[in-house]
PDB file of N, CA and C in Angstrom:
ATOM      1  N   UNK A   1       5.825-102.012 -11.221  1.00  0.00           N
ATOM      2  CA  UNK A   1       5.072-101.712 -10.269  1.00  0.00           C
ATOM      3  C   UNK A   1       3.934-102.194 -10.386  1.00  0.00           C
ATOM      4  N   UNK A   2       3.372-102.243  -9.068  1.00  0.00           N
ATOM      5  CA  UNK A   2       2.119-103.144  -9.256  1.00  0.00           C
ATOM      6  C   UNK A   2       1.207-101.863  -8.568  1.00  0.00           C
ATOM      7  N   UNK A   3      -0.404-102.213  -9.108  1.00  0.00           N
ATOM      8  CA  UNK A   3      -1.224-101.415  -9.147  1.00  0.00           C
ATOM      9  C   UNK A   3      -1.248-101.260  -7.536  1.00  0.00           C
ATOM     10  N   UNK A   4      -1.543-101.731  -6.936  1.00  0.00           N
ATOM     11  CA  UNK A   4      -1.322-101.276  -4.902  1.00  0.00           C
ATOM     12  C   UNK A   4      -0.136-100.254  -5.348  1.00  0.00           C
ATOM     13  N   UNK A   5       1.101-100.389  -5.534  1.00  0.00           N
ATOM     14  CA  UNK A   5       2.383 -99.253  -5.033  1.00  0.00           C
ATOM     15  C   UNK A   5       1.912 -98.121  -6.141  1.00  0.00           C
ATOM     16  N   UNK A   6       1.441 -98.559  -7.240  1.00  0.00           N
ATOM     17  CA  UNK A   6       0.688 -96.779  -7.805  1.00  0.00           C
ATOM     18  C   UNK A   6       0.107 -96.072  -6.828  1.00  0.00           C
ATOM     19  N   UNK A   7      -0.648 -97.063  -6.531  1.00  0.00           N
ATOM     20  CA  UNK A   7      -2.031 -96.471  -5.964  1.00  0.00           C
ATOM     21  C   UNK A   7      -1.382 -95.764  -4.511  1.00  0.00           C
ATOM     22  N   UNK A   8      -0.179 -96.372  -3.699  1.00  0.00           N
ATOM     23  CA  UNK A   8       0.566 -96.065  -2.724  1.00  0.00           C
ATOM     24  C   UNK A   8       1.088 -94.529  -3.259  1.00  0.00           C
ATOM     25  N   UNK A   9       1.566 -94.382  -4.210  1.00  0.00           N
ATOM     26  CA  UNK A   9       2.333 -93.608  -4.834  1.00  0.00           C
ATOM     27  C   UNK A   9       0.733 -92.175  -4.822  1.00  0.00           C
ATOM     28  N   UNK A  10      -0.065 -92.510  -5.660  1.00  0.00           N
ATOM     29  CA  UNK A  10      -1.132 -91.592  -5.397  1.00  0.00           C
ATOM     30  C   UNK A  10      -1.693 -91.130  -4.128  1.00  0.00           C
ATOM     31  N   UNK A  11      -1.820 -91.603  -3.315  1.00  0.00           N
ATOM     32  CA  UNK A  11      -1.978 -91.611  -1.754  1.00  0.00           C
ATOM     33  C   UNK A  11      -0.693 -90.602  -1.347  1.00  0.00           C
ATOM     34  N   UNK A  12       0.392 -91.227  -1.524  1.00  0.00           N
ATOM     35  CA  UNK A  12       1.292 -90.183  -0.956  1.00  0.00           C
ATOM     36  C   UNK A  12       1.251 -88.759  -1.372  1.00  0.00           C
ATOM     37  N   UNK A  13       1.036 -88.677  -2.855  1.00  0.00           N
ATOM     38  CA  UNK A  13       1.267 -87.462  -3.385  1.00  0.00           C
ATOM     39  C   UNK A  13      -0.456 -86.448  -2.701  1.00  0.00           C
ATOM     40  N   UNK A  14      -1.252 -87.110  -2.585  1.00  0.00           N
ATOM     41  CA  UNK A  14      -2.446 -86.500  -2.336  1.00  0.00           C
ATOM     42  C   UNK A  14      -2.227 -86.317  -0.878  1.00  0.00           C
ATOM     43  N   UNK A  15      -1.821 -87.178  -0.289  1.00  0.00           N
ATOM     44  CA  UNK A  15      -1.587 -86.902   1.576  1.00  0.00           C
ATOM     45  C   UNK A  15      -0.803 -85.591   1.264  1.00  0.00           C
ATOM     46  N   UNK A  16       0.353 -85.049   0.472  1.00  0.00           N
ATOM     47  CA  UNK A  16       1.152 -83.559   0.346  1.00  0.00           C
ATOM     48  C   UNK A  16       0.110 -82.999  -0.059  1.00  0.00           C
ATOM     49  N   UNK A  17      -0.790 -82.688  -0.764  1.00  0.00           N
ATOM     50  CA  UNK A  17      -1.463 -82.092  -1.304  1.00  0.00           C
ATOM     51  C   UNK A  17      -2.372 -81.564   0.091  1.00  0.00           C
ATOM     52  N   UNK A  18      -2.696 -82.535   0.711  1.00  0.00           N
ATOM     53  CA  UNK A  18      -3.891 -81.922   2.167  1.00  0.00           C
ATOM     54  C   UNK A  18      -2.776 -81.539   2.800  1.00  0.00           C
ATOM     55  N   UNK A  19      -1.731 -81.612   3.591  1.00  0.00           N
ATOM     56  CA  UNK A  19      -0.749 -80.917   3.897  1.00  0.00           C
ATOM     57  C   UNK A  19      -0.521 -79.710   3.530  1.00  0.00           C
ATOM     58  N   UNK A  20      -0.524 -79.178   2.574  1.00  0.00           N
ATOM     59  CA  UNK A  20       0.180 -78.295   1.550  1.00  0.00           C
ATOM     60  C   UNK A  20      -1.322 -76.932   1.476  1.00  0.00           C
ATOM     61  N   UNK A  21      -2.534 -77.939   1.804  1.00  0.00           N
ATOM     62  CA  UNK A  21      -3.499 -76.861   1.735  1.00  0.00           C
ATOM     63  C   UNK A  21      -4.326 -76.839   0.493  1.00  0.00           C
ATOM     64  N   UNK A  22      -3.424 -77.762  -0.688  1.00  0.00           N
ATOM     65  CA  UNK A  22      -4.427 -77.844  -2.005  1.00  0.00           C
ATOM     66  C   UNK A  22      -4.982 -78.778  -2.264  1.00  0.00           C
ATOM     67  N   UNK A  23      -5.321 -79.583  -1.903  1.00  0.00           N
ATOM     68  CA  UNK A  23      -6.279 -80.475  -1.570  1.00  0.00           C
ATOM     69  C   UNK A  23      -6.942 -80.889  -0.537  1.00  0.00           C
ATOM     70  N   UNK A  24      -8.560 -80.372  -0.781  1.00  0.00           N
ATOM     71  CA  UNK A  24      -9.386 -80.167   0.349  1.00  0.00           C
ATOM     72  C   UNK A  24      -9.817 -81.657   0.995  1.00  0.00           C
ATOM     73  N   UNK A  25     -10.025 -81.405   2.380  1.00  0.00           N
ATOM     74  CA  UNK A  25     -10.341 -83.211   3.048  1.00  0.00           C
ATOM     75  C   UNK A  25     -11.092 -84.154   2.448  1.00  0.00           C
ATOM     76  N   UNK A  26     -12.656 -83.411   1.771  1.00  0.00           N
ATOM     77  CA  UNK A  26     -13.194 -84.183   1.170  1.00  0.00           C
ATOM     78  C   UNK A  26     -12.566 -85.046   0.043  1.00  0.00           C
ATOM     79  N   UNK A  27     -11.830 -84.266  -1.058  1.00  0.00           N
ATOM     80  CA  UNK A  27     -11.317 -84.617  -2.093  1.00  0.00           C
ATOM     81  C   UNK A  27     -10.078 -85.312  -1.792  1.00  0.00           C
ATOM     82  N   UNK A  28      -9.698 -85.602  -0.762  1.00  0.00           N
ATOM     83  CA  UNK A  28      -8.458 -86.338  -0.237  1.00  0.00           C
ATOM     84  C   UNK A  28      -9.186 -87.561   0.342  1.00  0.00           C
ATOM     85  N   UNK A  29     -10.158 -87.155   0.952  1.00  0.00           N
ATOM     86  CA  UNK A  29     -10.490 -88.434   1.014  1.00  0.00           C
ATOM     87  C   UNK A  29     -11.336 -89.586   0.041  1.00  0.00           C
ATOM     88  N   UNK A  30     -12.371 -88.600  -0.777  1.00  0.00           N
ATOM     89  CA  UNK A  30     -12.789 -89.775  -1.899  1.00  0.00           C
ATOM     90  C   UNK A  30     -11.607 -90.379  -2.872  1.00  0.00           C
ATOM     91  N   UNK A  31     -10.478 -89.528  -2.866  1.00  0.00           N
ATOM     92  CA  UNK A  31      -9.250 -90.422  -3.675  1.00  0.00           C
ATOM     93  C   UNK A  31      -8.698 -91.404  -3.164  1.00  0.00           C
ATOM     94  N   UNK A  32      -8.947 -91.580  -1.524  1.00  0.00           N
ATOM     95  CA  UNK A  32      -8.361 -92.090  -0.860  1.00  0.00           C
ATOM     96  C   UNK A  32      -8.706 -94.005  -0.986  1.00  0.00           C
ATOM     97  N   UNK A  33     -10.334 -93.184  -0.793  1.00  0.00           N
ATOM     98  CA  UNK A  33     -11.416 -94.559  -1.038  1.00  0.00           C
ATOM     99  C   UNK A  33     -11.444 -95.219  -2.701  1.00  0.00           C
ATOM    100  N   UNK A  34     -10.639 -94.462  -3.053  1.00  0.00           N
ATOM    101  CA  UNK A  34     -10.669 -95.421  -4.418  1.00  0.00           C
ATOM    102  C   UNK A  34     -10.001 -95.489  -4.478  1.00  0.00           C
ATOM    103  N   UNK A  35      -8.909 -95.896  -3.723  1.00  0.00           N
ATOM    104  CA  UNK A  35      -7.589 -96.943  -3.834  1.00  0.00           C
ATOM    105  C   UNK A  35      -8.133 -98.303  -3.736  1.00  0.00           C
ATOM    106  N   UNK A  36      -8.900 -99.077  -4.138  1.00  0.00           N
ATOM    107  CA  UNK A  36      -9.381-100.604  -3.728  1.00  0.00           C
ATOM    108  C   UNK A  36      -8.012-100.837  -4.002  1.00  0.00           C
ATOM    109  N   UNK A  37      -6.984-101.342  -5.023  1.00  0.00           N
ATOM    110  CA  UNK A  37      -6.154-102.364  -5.066  1.00  0.00           C
ATOM    111  C   UNK A  37      -4.920-101.859  -3.723  1.00  0.00           C
ATOM    112  N   UNK A  38      -4.584-101.095  -3.257  1.00  0.00           N
ATOM    113  CA  UNK A  38      -3.901-100.407  -2.543  1.00  0.00           C
ATOM    114  C   UNK A  38      -4.725-100.962  -0.938  1.00  0.00           C
ATOM    115  N   UNK A  39      -5.895-101.212  -0.911  1.00  0.00           N
ATOM    116  CA  UNK A  39      -6.251-101.158   0.379  1.00  0.00           C
ATOM    117  C   UNK A  39      -6.795-103.156   0.509  1.00  0.00           C
ATOM    118  N   UNK A  40      -6.862-103.780  -0.685  1.00  0.00           N
ATOM    119  CA  UNK A  40      -6.841-105.179  -1.168  1.00  0.00           C
ATOM    120  C   UNK A  40      -5.527-105.774  -0.851  1.00  0.00           C
ATOM    121  N   UNK A  41      -4.052-104.726  -1.186  1.00  0.00           N
ATOM    122  CA  UNK A  41      -3.236-105.566  -0.782  1.00  0.00           C
ATOM    123  C   UNK A  41      -2.632-105.531   0.673  1.00  0.00           C
ATOM    124  N   UNK A  42      -3.361-104.920   1.558  1.00  0.00           N
ATOM    125  CA  UNK A  42      -2.605-104.908   2.798  1.00  0.00           C
ATOM    126  C   UNK A  42      -4.080-105.562   3.596  1.00  0.00           C
ATOM    127  N   UNK A  43      -3.473-106.035   4.876  1.00  0.00           N
ATOM    128  CA  UNK A  43      -4.376-107.054   5.555  1.00  0.00           C
ATOM    129  C   UNK A  43      -5.839-105.900   6.050  1.00  0.00           C
ATOM    130  N   UNK A  44      -6.728-106.639   5.975  1.00  0.00           N
ATOM    131  CA  UNK A  44      -8.297-105.781   6.471  1.00  0.00           C
ATOM    132  C   UNK A  44      -7.888-104.984   7.554  1.00  0.00           C
ATOM    133  N   UNK A  45      -7.462-104.616   8.637  1.00  0.00           N
ATOM    134  CA  UNK A  45      -7.275-104.083   9.911  1.00  0.00           C
ATOM    135  C   UNK A  45      -6.594-102.431   8.877  1.00  0.00           C
ATOM    136  N   UNK A  46      -6.018-103.048   8.005  1.00  0.00           N
ATOM    137  CA  UNK A  46      -5.774-101.133   7.411  1.00  0.00           C
ATOM    138  C   UNK A  46      -7.125-100.645   6.316  1.00  0.00           C
ATOM    139  N   UNK A  47      -7.509-101.360   5.530  1.00  0.00           N
ATOM    140  CA  UNK A  47      -9.288-100.693   5.179  1.00  0.00           C
ATOM    141  C   UNK A  47      -9.804 -99.976   6.850  1.00  0.00           C
ATOM    142  N   UNK A  48      -9.956-100.843   7.718  1.00  0.00           N
ATOM    143  CA  UNK A  48     -10.698-100.376   8.792  1.00  0.00           C
ATOM    144  C   UNK A  48     -10.155 -98.759   9.329  1.00  0.00           C
ATOM    145  N   UNK A  49      -9.097 -99.040   9.399  1.00  0.00           N
ATOM    146  CA  UNK A  49      -8.389 -97.957  10.391  1.00  0.00           C
ATOM    147  C   UNK A  49      -8.030 -96.910   9.590  1.00  0.00           C
ATOM    148  N   UNK A  50      -7.820 -96.857   8.189  1.00  0.00           N
ATOM    149  CA  UNK A  50      -8.283 -95.606   6.846  1.00  0.00           C
ATOM    150  C   UNK A  50      -9.753 -95.153   6.979  1.00  0.00           C
ATOM    151  N   UNK A  51     -10.422 -96.020   6.846  1.00  0.00           N
ATOM    152  CA  UNK A  51     -12.084 -95.576   6.640  1.00  0.00           C
ATOM    153  C   UNK A  51     -12.470 -94.750   8.034  1.00  0.00           C
ATOM    154  N   UNK A  52     -11.840 -95.713   9.352  1.00  0.00           N
ATOM    155  CA  UNK A  52     -12.301 -94.707  10.412  1.00  0.00           C
ATOM    156  C   UNK A  52     -11.539 -93.172  10.550  1.00  0.00           C
ATOM    157  N   UNK A  53     -10.092 -93.174  10.160  1.00  0.00           N
ATOM    158  CA  UNK A  53      -9.425 -91.835   9.629  1.00  0.00           C
ATOM    159  C   UNK A  53     -10.178 -90.800   8.520  1.00  0.00           C
ATOM    160  N   UNK A  54     -10.846 -91.350   7.698  1.00  0.00           N
ATOM    161  CA  UNK A  54     -11.077 -90.559   6.672  1.00  0.00           C
ATOM    162  C   UNK A  54     -12.391 -90.471   6.815  1.00  0.00           C
ATOM    163  N   UNK A  55     -13.681 -90.837   7.752  1.00  0.00           N
ATOM    164  CA  UNK A  55     -14.957 -90.267   8.433  1.00  0.00           C
ATOM    165  C   UNK A  55     -14.456 -89.291   9.694  1.00  0.00           C
ATOM    166  N   UNK A  56     -13.571 -89.305  10.311  1.00  0.00           N
ATOM    167  CA  UNK A  56     -13.332 -88.070  10.733  1.00  0.00           C
ATOM    168  C   UNK A  56     -12.547 -86.750  10.410  1.00  0.00           C
ATOM    169  N   UNK A  57     -11.610 -86.714   9.044  1.00  0.00           N
ATOM    170  CA  UNK A  57     -11.588 -86.069   8.452  1.00  0.00           C
ATOM    171  C   UNK A  57     -12.495 -85.419   7.820  1.00  0.00           C
ATOM    172  N   UNK A  58     -13.653 -86.156   7.171  1.00  0.00           N
ATOM    173  CA  UNK A  58     -14.667 -85.274   6.782  1.00  0.00           C
ATOM    174  C   UNK A  58     -15.422 -84.735   7.588  1.00  0.00           C
ATOM    175  N   UNK A  59     -15.964 -84.978   9.008  1.00  0.00           N
ATOM    176  CA  UNK A  59     -16.315 -84.721   9.944  1.00  0.00           C
ATOM    177  C   UNK A  59     -15.571 -83.505  10.266  1.00  0.00           C
ATOM    178  N   UNK A  60     -14.317 -83.284  10.216  1.00  0.00           N
ATOM    179  CA  UNK A  60     -13.533 -82.552  11.036  1.00  0.00           C
ATOM    180  C   UNK A  60     -13.908 -81.075  10.159  1.00  0.00           C
ATOM    181  N   UNK A  61     -13.775 -81.234   8.272  1.00  0.00           N
ATOM    182  CA  UNK A  61     -13.785 -80.724   7.317  1.00  0.00           C
ATOM    183  C   UNK A  61     -14.831 -79.776   7.868  1.00  0.00           C
ATOM    184  N   UNK A  62     -16.061 -80.133   8.338  1.00  0.00           N
ATOM    185  CA  UNK A  62     -17.332 -79.573   8.514  1.00  0.00           C
ATOM    186  C   UNK A  62     -17.344 -78.170   9.288  1.00  0.00           C
ATOM    187  N   UNK A  63     -16.545 -78.259  10.227  1.00  0.00           N
ATOM    188  CA  UNK A  63     -15.997 -77.485  11.319  1.00  0.00           C
ATOM    189  C   UNK A  63     -14.630 -76.894  11.528  1.00  0.00           C
ATOM    190  N   UNK A  64     -15.164 -75.210  11.615  1.00  0.00           N
ATOM    191  CA  UNK A  64     -13.542 -74.443  11.832  1.00  0.00           C
ATOM    192  C   UNK A  64     -12.733 -74.662  12.466  1.00  0.00           C
ATOM    193  N   UNK A  65     -11.204 -74.360  12.050  1.00  0.00           N
ATOM    194  CA  UNK A  65     -10.245 -74.433  12.929  1.00  0.00           C
ATOM    195  C   UNK A  65     -10.381 -76.151  13.431  1.00  0.00           C
ATOM    196  N   UNK A  66     -10.604 -75.838  14.776  1.00  0.00           N
ATOM    197  CA  UNK A  66     -10.443 -77.238  15.888  1.00  0.00           C
ATOM    198  C   UNK A  66     -11.513 -77.037  16.786  1.00  0.00           C
ATOM    199  N   UNK A  67     -12.923 -76.557  16.582  1.00  0.00           N
ATOM    200  CA  UNK A  67     -13.790 -76.339  16.948  1.00  0.00           C
ATOM    201  C   UNK A  67     -14.808 -77.638  17.263  1.00  0.00           C
ATOM    202  N   UNK A  68     -14.484 -78.767  16.048  1.00  0.00           N
ATOM    203  CA  UNK A  68     -14.996 -80.087  16.258  1.00  0.00           C
ATOM    204  C   UNK A  68     -13.764 -81.172  17.012  1.00  0.00           C
ATOM    205  N   UNK A  69     -14.710 -82.172  17.420  1.00  0.00           N
ATOM    206  CA  UNK A  69     -13.487 -82.941  18.525  1.00  0.00           C
ATOM    207  C   UNK A  69     -12.388 -83.691  18.268  1.00  0.00           C
ATOM    208  N   UNK A  70     -12.420 -83.469  17.077  1.00  0.00           N
ATOM    209  CA  UNK A  70     -11.378 -84.358  15.931  1.00  0.00           C
ATOM    210  C   UNK A  70      -9.954 -83.370  15.731  1.00  0.00           C
ATOM    211  N   UNK A  71      -9.265 -82.881  15.850  1.00  0.00           N
ATOM    212  CA  UNK A  71      -8.442 -82.470  15.415  1.00  0.00           C
ATOM    213  C   UNK A  71      -8.007 -82.249  14.027  1.00  0.00           C
ATOM    214  N   UNK A  72      -8.215 -81.782  13.119  1.00  0.00           N
ATOM    215  CA  UNK A  72      -7.381 -82.339  11.906  1.00  0.00           C
ATOM    216  C   UNK A  72      -6.211 -82.211  11.668  1.00  0.00           C
ATOM    217  N   UNK A  73      -4.858 -81.635  12.266  1.00  0.00           N
ATOM    218  CA  UNK A  73      -4.017 -81.783  12.386  1.00  0.00           C
ATOM    219  C   UNK A  73      -3.812 -83.121  13.042  1.00  0.00           C
ATOM    220  N   UNK A  74      -4.478 -83.659  13.702  1.00  0.00           N
ATOM    221  CA  UNK A  74      -4.188 -84.517  14.238  1.00  0.00           C
ATOM    222  C   UNK A  74      -4.279 -85.840  13.352  1.00  0.00           C
ATOM    223  N   UNK A  75      -5.515 -85.663  12.910  1.00  0.00           N
ATOM    224  CA  UNK A  75      -5.762 -86.903  12.035  1.00  0.00           C
ATOM    225  C   UNK A  75      -4.796 -87.197  10.735  1.00  0.00           C
ATOM    226  N   UNK A  76      -4.597 -85.591   9.991  1.00  0.00           N
ATOM    227  CA  UNK A  76      -3.500 -85.764   9.227  1.00  0.00           C
ATOM    228  C   UNK A  76      -1.965 -86.362   9.373  1.00  0.00           C
ATOM    229  N   UNK A  77      -1.736 -86.032  10.328  1.00  0.00           N
ATOM    230  CA  UNK A  77      -0.525 -86.964  11.210  1.00  0.00           C
ATOM    231  C   UNK A  77      -1.033 -88.428  11.686  1.00  0.00           C
ATOM    232  N   UNK A  78      -1.925 -88.683  11.945  1.00  0.00           N
ATOM    233  CA  UNK A  78      -2.192 -90.130  11.826  1.00  0.00           C
ATOM    234  C   UNK A  78      -2.282 -90.746  10.290  1.00  0.00           C
ATOM    235  N   UNK A  79      -2.691 -90.441   9.307  1.00  0.00           N
ATOM    236  CA  UNK A  79      -3.041 -90.907   7.913  1.00  0.00           C
ATOM    237  C   UNK A  79      -1.540 -91.232   7.386  1.00  0.00           C
ATOM    238  N   UNK A  80      -0.728 -89.554   8.021  1.00  0.00           N
ATOM    239  CA  UNK A  80       0.708 -89.451   7.922  1.00  0.00           C
ATOM    240  C   UNK A  80       1.337 -91.516   8.716  1.00  0.00           C
ATOM    241  N   UNK A  81       0.937 -91.766   9.569  1.00  0.00           N
ATOM    242  CA  UNK A  81       0.965 -92.911  10.204  1.00  0.00           C
ATOM    243  C   UNK A  81       0.768 -94.022   9.556  1.00  0.00           C
ATOM    244  N   UNK A  82      -0.570 -94.046   8.987  1.00  0.00           N
ATOM    245  CA  UNK A  82      -0.999 -95.091   8.284  1.00  0.00           C
ATOM    246  C   UNK A  82       0.275 -95.325   7.289  1.00  0.00           C
ATOM    247  N   UNK A  83      -0.002 -94.372   6.237  1.00  0.00           N
ATOM    248  CA  UNK A  83       1.168 -94.624   5.018  1.00  0.00           C
ATOM    249  C   UNK A  83       1.911 -95.048   5.096  1.00  0.00           C
ATOM    250  N   UNK A  84       3.164 -94.796   6.337  1.00  0.00           N
ATOM    251  CA  UNK A  84       4.236 -95.125   6.648  1.00  0.00           C
ATOM    252  C   UNK A  84       3.799 -96.817   7.123  1.00  0.00           C
ATOM    253  N   UNK A  85       3.174 -96.859   7.535  1.00  0.00           N
ATOM    254  CA  UNK A  85       3.236 -98.275   7.995  1.00  0.00           C
ATOM    255  C   UNK A  85       2.508 -99.503   6.515  1.00  0.00           C
ATOM    256  N   UNK A  86       2.041 -98.876   5.969  1.00  0.00           N
ATOM    257  CA  UNK A  86       1.357 -99.307   4.567  1.00  0.00           C
ATOM    258  C   UNK A  86       2.812 -99.412   3.827  1.00  0.00           C
ATOM    259  N   UNK A  87       3.426 -98.424   3.741  1.00  0.00           N
ATOM    260  CA  UNK A  87       4.604 -98.559   2.928  1.00  0.00           C
ATOM    261  C   UNK A  87       5.631 -99.775   3.695  1.00  0.00           C
ATOM    262  N   UNK A  88       5.344 -99.994   4.896  1.00  0.00           N
ATOM    263  CA  UNK A  88       6.327-101.197   5.204  1.00  0.00           C
ATOM    264  C   UNK A  88       5.725-102.433   4.602  1.00  0.00           C
ATOM    265  N   UNK A  89       4.495-102.365   5.002  1.00  0.00           N
ATOM    266  CA  UNK A  89       3.927-103.637   4.893  1.00  0.00           C
ATOM    267  C   UNK A  89       3.615-104.281   3.501  1.00  0.00           C
ATOM    268  N   UNK A  90       3.873-103.091   2.486  1.00  0.00           N
ATOM    269  CA  UNK A  90       4.199-103.459   0.947  1.00  0.00           C
ATOM    270  C   UNK A  90       5.277-103.936   0.722  1.00  0.00           C
ATOM    271  N   UNK A  91       6.435-103.649   1.244  1.00  0.00           N
ATOM    272  CA  UNK A  91       7.945-103.554   1.060  1.00  0.00           C
ATOM    273  C   UNK A  91       8.095-104.638   1.710  1.00  0.00           C
TER     274      UNK A  91
END
């Protein structure tokens, strides 16, 4: 398995932690940003989209519930879509 695929597995696990509440948004974001081999294996637009989603996720974590203009649940759903497309791109 390549480093990019290993990092996609790690991203999958971290996303699961974000979904079940065992991983804080800031920690998830830091882990996701560190997956450089994964991002380098994907077209550049994937990095742009992921960083935008992570920026908004970090911003949403500063507010309670849905008081922020970014819905944390919607952002997590979009991260799942990003993950699924990244997986399809690598396969």
